[in-house]
Protein backbone atom coordinates (compact mmCIF):
# COMPACT_ATOMS: atom_id res chain seq x y z
CA UNK A 1 192.58 148.93 134.50
CA UNK A 2 189.38 147.41 135.78
CA UNK A 3 189.44 144.27 138.03
CA UNK A 4 186.67 141.89 138.53
CA UNK A 5 184.67 141.88 141.41
CA UNK A 6 184.77 139.04 143.88
CA UNK A 7 181.77 137.18 144.38
CA UNK A 8 180.91 135.66 147.83
CA UNK A 9 179.80 131.45 146.98
CA UNK A 10 176.29 131.02 147.70
CA UNK A 11 175.81 128.53 150.44
CA UNK A 12 173.53 125.22 149.93
CA UNK A 13 169.58 125.92 150.23
CA UNK A 14 167.88 124.04 153.12
CA UNK A 15 165.02 123.30 151.27
CA UNK A 16 164.15 119.96 149.38
CA UNK A 17 163.02 119.82 146.04
CA UNK A 18 159.12 119.14 147.04
CA UNK A 19 159.47 122.43 149.17
CA UNK A 20 160.58 124.60 146.29
CA UNK A 21 157.87 123.19 143.53
CA UNK A 22 155.33 123.92 146.33
CA UNK A 23 156.65 127.35 146.38
CA UNK A 24 157.05 127.55 142.65
CA UNK A 25 153.24 126.55 142.22
CA UNK A 26 151.98 128.90 144.93
CA UNK A 27 153.75 131.88 142.91
CA UNK A 28 152.48 130.72 139.70
CA UNK A 29 156.22 130.25 138.08
CA UNK A 30 156.26 128.86 134.82
CA UNK A 31 157.95 125.62 134.14
CA UNK A 32 159.47 123.90 131.26
CA UNK A 33 158.03 120.70 129.93
CA UNK A 34 160.01 118.22 127.69
CA UNK A 35 158.19 116.97 124.80
CA UNK A 36 158.03 113.26 124.43
CA UNK A 37 160.58 111.90 122.31
CA UNK A 38 159.70 111.40 118.69
CA UNK A 39 160.88 108.13 116.99
CA UNK A 40 163.47 108.89 114.66
CA UNK A 41 163.14 107.16 111.20
CA UNK A 42 166.04 107.06 108.77
CA UNK A 43 165.03 109.03 105.92
CA UNK A 44 163.76 106.78 103.21
CA UNK A 45 165.44 106.75 99.90
CA UNK A 46 164.29 104.61 97.21
CA UNK A 47 167.03 102.06 96.41
CA UNK A 48 167.29 100.84 92.92
CA UNK A 49 167.65 97.31 91.89
CA UNK A 50 169.23 97.82 88.49
CA UNK A 51 167.62 96.08 85.70
CA UNK A 52 170.28 96.66 83.68
CA UNK A 53 173.82 95.69 84.14
CA UNK A 54 176.45 98.44 85.19
CA UNK A 55 179.67 98.79 84.04
CA UNK A 56 182.52 100.94 84.85
CA UNK A 57 183.97 103.83 82.84
CA UNK A 58 186.76 105.59 83.88
CA UNK A 59 187.20 109.25 82.15
CA UNK A 60 189.53 111.96 82.53
CA UNK A 61 188.73 115.49 81.41
CA UNK A 62 190.14 118.79 81.53
CA UNK A 63 190.74 120.31 85.37
CA UNK A 64 187.98 123.04 84.88
CA UNK A 65 185.21 121.16 83.54
CA UNK A 66 185.74 118.55 86.18
CA UNK A 67 185.86 121.36 88.86
CA UNK A 68 182.36 122.72 87.44
CA UNK A 69 180.77 119.10 87.16
CA UNK A 70 181.82 118.90 91.00
CA UNK A 71 180.33 122.15 92.03
CA UNK A 72 177.24 121.72 89.81
CA UNK A 73 176.88 118.06 91.54
CA UNK A 74 177.26 119.77 94.90
CA UNK A 75 174.30 122.64 94.33
CA UNK A 76 172.11 120.22 92.69
CA UNK A 77 172.78 117.43 95.52
CA UNK A 78 173.23 114.76 93.27
CA UNK A 79 176.32 112.95 91.82
CA UNK A 80 178.64 113.48 88.82
CA UNK A 81 177.43 110.33 87.54
CA UNK A 82 173.99 111.46 87.40
CA UNK A 83 175.04 114.84 85.84
CA UNK A 84 176.80 112.82 82.90
CA UNK A 85 173.69 110.32 82.58
CA UNK A 86 171.02 112.99 82.43
CA UNK A 87 173.22 115.31 79.58
CA UNK A 88 173.67 111.69 77.81
CA UNK A 89 170.04 111.28 78.01
CA UNK A 90 169.40 114.78 76.73
CA UNK A 91 171.34 113.91 73.76
CA UNK A 92 169.11 111.10 73.10
CA UNK A 93 171.08 108.14 74.68
CA UNK A 94 168.92 105.41 76.25
CA UNK A 95 169.29 106.25 79.89
CA UNK A 96 166.25 105.25 82.01
CA UNK A 97 164.92 107.17 85.14
CA UNK A 98 165.70 104.11 87.13
CA UNK A 99 169.48 104.45 86.08
CA UNK A 100 169.39 107.66 88.19
CA UNK A 101 167.97 106.45 91.39
CA UNK A 102 170.47 106.04 94.46
CA UNK A 103 172.01 102.76 94.13
CA UNK A 104 171.66 102.28 90.56
CA UNK A 105 175.51 102.99 90.07
CA UNK A 106 176.51 100.16 92.54
CA UNK A 107 178.30 102.29 94.86
CA UNK A 108 175.96 105.05 95.91
């Protein structure tokens, strides 16, 4: 069985930071420079002010259908609500583009 070697602790250096910096500069030791911090802006998402009144509808469906809707919403990075509204629009129902914006459903 192999044992770990015993290491001796290194004594603290008797040089200050300025002296170490001078040695580093004379030897051409590269330094890492931290770039200035960029201002972090929150991602801008268009928020809809619904021009049409929204009503709540509760829907119950077969579990496999609901599972596929959830998976499609996840992979398309949208909501089940939007998937259903797009399907209704494709069938000829009067769904406007502004109805699909984040916030148009009241709780997005």
